[in-house]
Amino acid sequence: MTSSPPEAKAVLERYPRVAVIGAGVIGSSWTALFLAHGLHVVVNDPRPDIEAVVRGDLAKIAPTLQALGLPSQGLEKKLRFEPDLARAVAAVDLVQENGPERPEWKQQLWASIEKSVPAHALLLSSSSARPATEQGRDMKDPSRLLVGHPFNPPHLIPLVEVVPGERTDARAVEDAVAFYAALGKVPRVLKKEIQGFVANRLQRAIMRESCYLVQQGVCTVDELDDIVTSSIGLRWAVNGPFSSFHMGGGPGGLAAFFAEGGLGRNMVAAWQNMPPVEMDEVLKQRIVSQTAASFGRVPMQQMERTRDNKQVALLQALRGFAQPGDDDPG
């Protein structure tokens, strides 16, 4: 992720003024990324200490932006704070909402925003759970509303799940994809709304099995993390599940993998026999106590800095291999 090429700058010039609604961890991360790309950002959040919080977050994020080749100094020149929602969105070209995952709250929010925001503005929600159709229920015209769900933190992790609602205009989807791509993100459009979208559903499945293995005493939480980062974590940073198993099938690929009597059959059989996992107090305490005795001793800011440094190094390494035709089977 480096400074925007000319075509990306042309896209971003269509959205010079952005409103960030809700400036928690995700909202502050989006704010940093928007500012680093030269956009004017107005933050709307009811917390009385929001200015100090956001400015502190920008300072923490700055080293990562610099490592990514993005501007990291003087970003606050294009930042302002506006506690009144109507005034915050009155002259913006795009809204990125990051509020609570409560349907009623989001429905009231978008209905209020609709009354003040310019008609051309793109309306995006970072929601990881509430579909655009549900969020825009009380809007007269939700055609510019859709989900733009990032993987946390947005300033670092490339993925954005773009999820249109039933009444979202196709042009708005195209605009959202172009906007996120211009920021250096990897936007992927989901073809239908589903609870949890894609990335979180996959994450839930892995976390479920992780908790089960700890519950059964097979491994501790830090041992499980080591197992993941030393195996499938590395594999999936290069190839996703389908292409990984395709290669696992040898010359015959997935067809061989799914062949009668092959590994595919055994995997399906295992799916049918997965025991339930009850997140009771015993399991919760086991996870918490094991965490406290291991990586939980590391200050959170130190963990975040280490994570960011490793993620940047990984992204840069992978970018070095992203040459045209690498994935072309021909």
Protein backbone atom coordinates (compact mmCIF):
# COMPACT_ATOMS: atom_id res chain seq x y z
CA MET A 1 0.00 0.00 0.00
CA THR A 2 1.76 3.14 -1.19
CA SER A 3 0.72 6.58 -2.41
CA SER A 4 -2.24 6.55 -4.76
CA PRO A 5 -1.57 6.10 -8.51
CA PRO A 6 -3.23 8.61 -10.88
CA GLU A 7 -6.32 6.48 -11.49
CA ALA A 8 -6.85 6.05 -7.74
CA LYS A 9 -6.43 9.76 -7.14
CA ALA A 10 -9.11 10.43 -9.74
CA VAL A 11 -11.52 8.21 -7.82
CA LEU A 12 -10.68 9.79 -4.47
CA GLU A 13 -11.20 13.26 -5.91
CA ARG A 14 -14.89 12.33 -6.16
CA TYR A 15 -15.00 11.92 -2.36
CA PRO A 16 -12.94 14.77 -0.91
CA ARG A 17 -15.12 15.13 2.20
CA VAL A 18 -15.84 12.11 4.39
CA ALA A 19 -17.84 11.73 7.59
CA VAL A 20 -16.80 9.05 10.06
CA ILE A 21 -19.70 8.20 12.37
CA GLY A 22 -18.45 6.55 15.53
CA ALA A 23 -14.73 6.69 16.27
CA GLY A 24 -13.94 3.59 18.24
CA VAL A 25 -11.12 1.28 17.17
CA ILE A 26 -12.50 0.82 13.65
CA GLY A 27 -13.65 4.41 13.20
CA SER A 28 -10.27 5.83 14.24
CA SER A 29 -8.52 3.39 11.91
CA TRP A 30 -10.67 4.47 8.97
CA THR A 31 -10.06 8.10 9.92
CA ALA A 32 -6.29 7.59 9.78
CA LEU A 33 -6.48 5.88 6.39
CA PHE A 34 -8.78 8.53 4.89
CA LEU A 35 -6.53 11.33 6.13
CA ALA A 36 -3.42 9.57 4.82
CA HIS A 37 -5.01 9.61 1.36
CA GLY A 38 -5.64 13.34 1.55
CA LEU A 39 -9.36 13.31 2.32
CA HIS A 40 -11.03 15.83 4.62
CA VAL A 41 -12.59 13.95 7.54
CA VAL A 42 -15.25 15.08 10.00
CA VAL A 43 -15.72 12.79 13.01
CA ASN A 44 -19.10 12.51 14.70
CA ASP A 45 -19.12 10.73 18.06
CA PRO A 46 -21.00 11.71 21.26
CA ARG A 47 -18.15 10.92 23.67
CA PRO A 48 -16.87 14.09 25.39
CA ASP A 49 -13.24 12.96 25.10
CA ILE A 50 -13.45 11.93 21.45
CA GLU A 51 -10.90 14.47 20.19
CA ALA A 52 -8.22 13.25 22.59
CA VAL A 53 -9.04 9.63 21.83
CA VAL A 54 -8.84 10.02 18.05
CA ARG A 55 -5.68 12.12 18.16
CA GLY A 56 -4.08 9.51 20.39
CA ASP A 57 -5.11 6.75 17.98
CA LEU A 58 -3.64 8.68 15.04
CA ALA A 59 -0.32 8.92 16.86
CA LYS A 60 -0.32 5.15 17.46
CA ILE A 61 -1.24 4.38 13.86
CA ALA A 62 1.28 6.79 12.29
CA PRO A 63 4.26 4.36 12.28
CA THR A 64 2.20 1.77 10.42
CA LEU A 65 1.09 4.30 7.82
CA GLN A 66 4.71 5.31 7.31
CA ALA A 67 5.75 1.67 6.91
CA LEU A 68 3.03 1.25 4.30
CA GLY A 69 4.43 4.18 2.33
CA LEU A 70 1.60 6.54 3.23
CA PRO A 71 1.79 10.06 4.68
CA SER A 72 1.82 9.96 8.48
CA GLN A 73 2.62 13.52 9.57
CA GLY A 74 0.32 16.52 9.72
CA LEU A 75 -2.78 14.44 9.08
CA GLU A 76 -4.85 16.43 11.57
CA LYS A 77 -4.84 19.48 9.30
CA LYS A 78 -7.79 17.96 7.44
CA LEU A 79 -9.54 16.60 10.54
CA ARG A 80 -12.39 18.20 12.44
CA PHE A 81 -14.97 17.10 14.98
CA GLU A 82 -18.68 17.82 14.86
CA PRO A 83 -20.99 16.46 17.60
CA ASP A 84 -24.16 17.43 15.72
CA LEU A 85 -25.01 14.66 13.23
CA ALA A 86 -26.88 16.88 10.77
CA ARG A 87 -24.03 19.36 10.57
CA ALA A 88 -21.44 16.57 10.34
CA VAL A 89 -22.95 15.06 7.18
CA ALA A 90 -24.38 18.21 5.59
CA ALA A 91 -21.65 18.67 2.99
CA VAL A 92 -19.88 15.32 2.73
CA ASP A 93 -19.45 13.03 -0.27
CA LEU A 94 -19.24 9.79 1.69
CA VAL A 95 -20.22 8.45 5.11
CA GLN A 96 -18.46 5.55 6.86
CA GLU A 97 -20.55 4.44 9.84
CA ASN A 98 -19.01 2.49 12.73
CA GLY A 99 -21.68 2.50 15.41
CA PRO A 100 -23.24 -0.13 17.67
CA GLU A 101 -24.55 -3.32 16.10
CA ARG A 102 -28.12 -2.60 17.16
CA PRO A 103 -30.70 -2.67 14.33
CA GLU A 104 -32.89 0.07 15.78
CA TRP A 105 -29.93 2.37 16.34
CA LYS A 106 -28.68 1.99 12.79
CA GLN A 107 -32.16 2.37 11.31
CA GLN A 108 -32.71 5.63 13.18
CA LEU A 109 -29.21 6.82 12.29
CA TRP A 110 -29.59 6.34 8.54
CA ALA A 111 -33.08 7.84 8.53
CA SER A 112 -31.62 10.91 10.25
CA ILE A 113 -28.59 11.09 7.97
CA GLU A 114 -30.81 10.89 4.90
CA LYS A 115 -32.45 14.18 5.86
CA SER A 116 -29.17 16.11 5.82
CA VAL A 117 -26.64 14.36 3.60
CA PRO A 118 -26.22 15.41 -0.07
CA ALA A 119 -28.13 13.17 -2.47
CA HIS A 120 -24.96 12.05 -4.23
CA ALA A 121 -23.18 10.87 -1.07
CA LEU A 122 -22.18 7.23 -0.77
CA LEU A 123 -23.44 5.71 2.50
CA LEU A 124 -21.29 2.89 3.88
CA SER A 125 -21.58 0.86 7.07
CA SER A 126 -18.67 -0.97 8.69
CA SER A 127 -21.16 -3.36 10.28
CA SER A 128 -20.03 -6.95 10.70
CA ALA A 129 -23.53 -8.23 11.43
CA ARG A 130 -26.39 -5.98 10.26
CA PRO A 131 -27.24 -6.18 6.52
CA ALA A 132 -27.92 -3.04 4.51
CA THR A 133 -31.52 -4.07 3.82
CA GLU A 134 -32.22 -4.10 7.54
CA GLN A 135 -30.27 -0.91 8.25
CA GLY A 136 -32.07 1.10 5.57
CA ARG A 137 -35.57 -0.02 6.51
CA ASP A 138 -36.74 3.46 7.53
CA MET A 139 -35.06 5.36 4.69
CA LYS A 140 -37.07 6.80 1.83
CA ASP A 141 -34.23 6.11 -0.60
CA PRO A 142 -31.59 3.56 0.52
CA SER A 143 -30.19 3.18 -2.99
CA ARG A 144 -26.80 4.61 -1.93
CA LEU A 145 -26.58 2.53 1.26
CA LEU A 146 -24.52 -0.65 1.51
CA VAL A 147 -22.18 -2.45 3.88
CA GLY A 148 -18.43 -1.85 3.57
CA HIS A 149 -17.21 -4.25 6.26
CA PRO A 150 -13.47 -4.06 6.92
CA PHE A 151 -11.31 -6.61 8.65
CA ASN A 152 -9.82 -4.93 11.71
CA PRO A 153 -7.80 -2.73 11.65
CA PRO A 154 -8.91 -1.09 8.38
CA HIS A 155 -5.73 0.95 7.95
CA LEU A 156 -3.73 -2.28 7.73
CA ILE A 157 -5.76 -5.34 6.69
CA PRO A 158 -6.74 -5.11 2.98
CA LEU A 159 -10.12 -6.86 2.90
CA VAL A 160 -13.42 -4.97 2.67
CA GLU A 161 -16.60 -7.01 2.22
CA VAL A 162 -18.96 -4.95 0.06
CA VAL A 163 -22.52 -6.12 0.67
CA PRO A 164 -25.42 -4.36 -1.10
CA GLY A 165 -28.95 -4.44 0.22
CA GLU A 166 -32.09 -5.35 -1.68
CA ARG A 167 -32.63 -1.72 -2.70
CA THR A 168 -28.99 -0.74 -3.26
CA ASP A 169 -28.35 0.66 -6.73
CA ALA A 170 -25.79 -1.20 -8.83
CA ARG A 171 -23.93 2.05 -9.45
CA ALA A 172 -23.45 2.50 -5.70
CA VAL A 173 -21.83 -0.92 -5.53
CA GLU A 174 -19.45 0.01 -8.34
CA ASP A 175 -18.66 3.31 -6.62
CA ALA A 176 -17.95 1.60 -3.30
CA VAL A 177 -15.61 -0.93 -4.92
CA ALA A 178 -13.77 1.84 -6.75
CA PHE A 179 -13.45 3.94 -3.59
CA TYR A 180 -12.05 1.15 -1.45
CA ALA A 181 -9.71 -0.02 -4.20
CA ALA A 182 -8.38 3.55 -4.53
CA LEU A 183 -7.47 3.35 -0.84
CA GLY A 184 -5.39 0.26 -1.53
CA LYS A 185 -7.99 -2.11 -0.11
CA VAL A 186 -9.14 -5.44 -1.56
CA PRO A 187 -12.94 -5.03 -1.93
CA ARG A 188 -14.96 -8.16 -2.61
CA VAL A 189 -18.67 -7.98 -3.38
CA LEU A 190 -20.91 -10.57 -1.75
CA LYS A 191 -23.64 -11.80 -4.06
CA LYS A 192 -26.23 -12.05 -1.30
CA GLU A 193 -26.76 -10.89 2.27
CA ILE A 194 -25.99 -13.46 4.95
CA GLN A 195 -25.58 -13.09 8.70
CA GLY A 196 -21.92 -12.51 9.56
CA PHE A 197 -20.94 -12.13 5.90
CA VAL A 198 -17.95 -14.32 4.87
CA ALA A 199 -14.77 -13.55 6.81
CA ASN A 200 -16.47 -13.55 10.22
CA ARG A 201 -18.30 -16.79 9.49
CA LEU A 202 -14.97 -18.43 8.72
CA GLN A 203 -13.42 -16.88 11.81
CA ARG A 204 -16.26 -18.14 13.98
CA ALA A 205 -15.84 -21.68 12.72
CA ILE A 206 -12.13 -21.65 13.49
CA MET A 207 -12.67 -20.06 16.91
CA ARG A 208 -15.30 -22.66 17.77
CA GLU A 209 -12.89 -25.51 17.12
CA SER A 210 -10.11 -23.63 18.92
CA CYS A 211 -12.25 -23.34 22.05
CA TYR A 212 -13.19 -27.02 21.83
CA LEU A 213 -9.54 -28.11 21.68
CA VAL A 214 -8.70 -25.98 24.72
CA GLN A 215 -11.79 -27.25 26.52
CA GLN A 216 -10.71 -30.85 25.93
CA GLY A 217 -7.19 -30.15 27.18
CA VAL A 218 -5.62 -30.96 23.82
CA CYS A 219 -3.57 -27.76 23.91
CA THR A 220 -3.38 -24.38 25.63
CA VAL A 221 -4.42 -21.11 24.05
CA ASP A 222 -0.86 -20.01 23.27
CA GLU A 223 0.06 -23.45 21.90
CA LEU A 224 -2.97 -23.32 19.62
CA ASP A 225 -1.96 -19.88 18.38
CA ASP A 226 1.52 -21.19 17.60
CA ILE A 227 0.05 -24.16 15.73
CA VAL A 228 -2.12 -21.88 13.59
CA THR A 229 0.56 -19.28 12.80
CA SER A 230 3.06 -22.02 11.95
CA SER A 231 0.74 -23.93 9.61
CA ILE A 232 -2.59 -22.86 8.13
CA GLY A 233 -1.94 -19.21 8.95
CA LEU A 234 1.09 -19.24 6.67
CA ARG A 235 -0.67 -21.33 4.05
CA TRP A 236 -3.78 -19.15 3.91
CA ALA A 237 -1.72 -15.97 3.60
CA VAL A 238 -0.69 -17.30 0.19
CA ASN A 239 -3.55 -19.56 -0.91
CA GLY A 240 -7.12 -19.73 0.34
CA PRO A 241 -8.82 -22.97 1.43
CA PHE A 242 -10.02 -23.97 -2.04
CA SER A 243 -6.76 -23.41 -3.89
CA SER A 244 -4.84 -25.03 -1.01
CA PHE A 245 -6.92 -28.19 -1.19
CA HIS A 246 -6.73 -28.07 -4.98
CA MET A 247 -2.97 -28.38 -4.69
CA GLY A 248 -3.46 -31.00 -1.97
CA GLY A 249 -5.20 -33.15 -4.54
CA GLY A 250 -2.01 -33.39 -6.59
CA PRO A 251 -2.14 -33.35 -10.42
CA GLY A 252 -5.86 -34.12 -10.30
CA GLY A 253 -6.61 -31.08 -8.13
CA LEU A 254 -9.94 -30.76 -6.33
CA ALA A 255 -11.53 -33.39 -8.55
CA ALA A 256 -9.09 -35.94 -7.15
CA PHE A 257 -9.55 -34.59 -3.65
CA PHE A 258 -13.31 -35.11 -3.86
CA ALA A 259 -13.04 -38.53 -5.52
CA GLU A 260 -14.97 -41.37 -3.97
CA GLY A 261 -13.05 -42.78 -1.03
CA GLY A 262 -10.64 -39.84 -1.00
CA LEU A 263 -9.91 -37.16 1.55
CA GLY A 264 -13.02 -35.21 0.62
CA ARG A 265 -15.24 -38.04 1.80
CA ASN A 266 -13.39 -38.30 5.10
CA MET A 267 -13.69 -34.58 5.68
CA VAL A 268 -17.44 -34.59 5.09
CA ALA A 269 -17.79 -37.49 7.50
CA ALA A 270 -15.90 -35.51 10.14
CA TRP A 271 -18.30 -32.59 9.68
CA GLN A 272 -21.19 -34.83 10.66
CA ASN A 273 -19.55 -35.78 13.96
CA MET A 274 -18.46 -32.46 15.39
CA PRO A 275 -19.37 -32.37 19.09
CA PRO A 276 -21.10 -29.31 20.56
CA VAL A 277 -19.07 -26.66 22.36
CA GLU A 278 -20.62 -25.10 25.44
CA MET A 279 -19.01 -21.80 26.41
CA ASP A 280 -19.58 -22.32 30.12
CA GLU A 281 -17.85 -20.51 32.98
CA VAL A 282 -15.25 -23.25 33.32
CA LEU A 283 -14.15 -22.87 29.70
CA LYS A 284 -14.22 -19.08 29.89
CA GLN A 285 -12.03 -19.10 32.98
CA ARG A 286 -9.63 -21.59 31.41
CA ILE A 287 -9.16 -19.40 28.35
CA VAL A 288 -8.81 -16.22 30.41
CA SER A 289 -6.33 -17.73 32.89
CA GLN A 290 -4.20 -19.31 30.18
CA THR A 291 -4.15 -16.02 28.30
CA ALA A 292 -3.14 -14.12 31.45
CA ALA A 293 -0.24 -16.54 31.99
CA SER A 294 1.00 -16.17 28.41
CA PHE A 295 0.62 -13.33 25.89
CA GLY A 296 -1.81 -11.57 28.21
CA ARG A 297 1.23 -10.32 30.16
CA VAL A 298 2.29 -8.20 27.17
CA PRO A 299 0.91 -4.62 27.19
CA MET A 300 -1.79 -4.21 24.52
CA GLN A 301 -0.02 -1.33 22.79
CA GLN A 302 3.10 -3.48 22.47
CA MET A 303 1.08 -6.35 21.04
CA GLU A 304 -0.55 -4.01 18.52
CA ARG A 305 2.81 -2.60 17.42
CA THR A 306 4.29 -6.09 16.99
CA ARG A 307 1.21 -7.20 15.05
CA ASP A 308 1.36 -4.17 12.77
CA ASN A 309 5.09 -4.60 12.10
CA LYS A 310 4.67 -8.27 11.20
CA GLN A 311 1.59 -7.61 9.06
CA VAL A 312 3.37 -4.85 7.15
CA ALA A 313 6.36 -7.12 6.54
CA LEU A 314 4.06 -9.89 5.32
CA LEU A 315 2.12 -7.57 3.00
CA GLN A 316 5.33 -6.17 1.56
CA ALA A 317 6.75 -9.65 1.02
CA LEU A 318 3.59 -10.85 -0.71
CA ARG A 319 3.45 -7.72 -2.85
CA GLY A 320 6.87 -8.61 -4.20
CA PHE A 321 5.39 -11.77 -5.68
CA ALA A 322 2.21 -10.17 -7.04
CA GLN A 323 3.37 -10.05 -10.63
CA PRO A 324 0.93 -10.21 -13.59
CA GLY A 325 0.23 -13.77 -14.60
CA ASP A 326 1.39 -15.40 -11.36
CA ASP A 327 -1.99 -17.04 -10.87
CA ASP A 328 -2.68 -17.57 -14.56
CA PRO A 329 -2.90 -21.34 -15.14
CA GLY A 330 -2.13 -20.73 -18.81
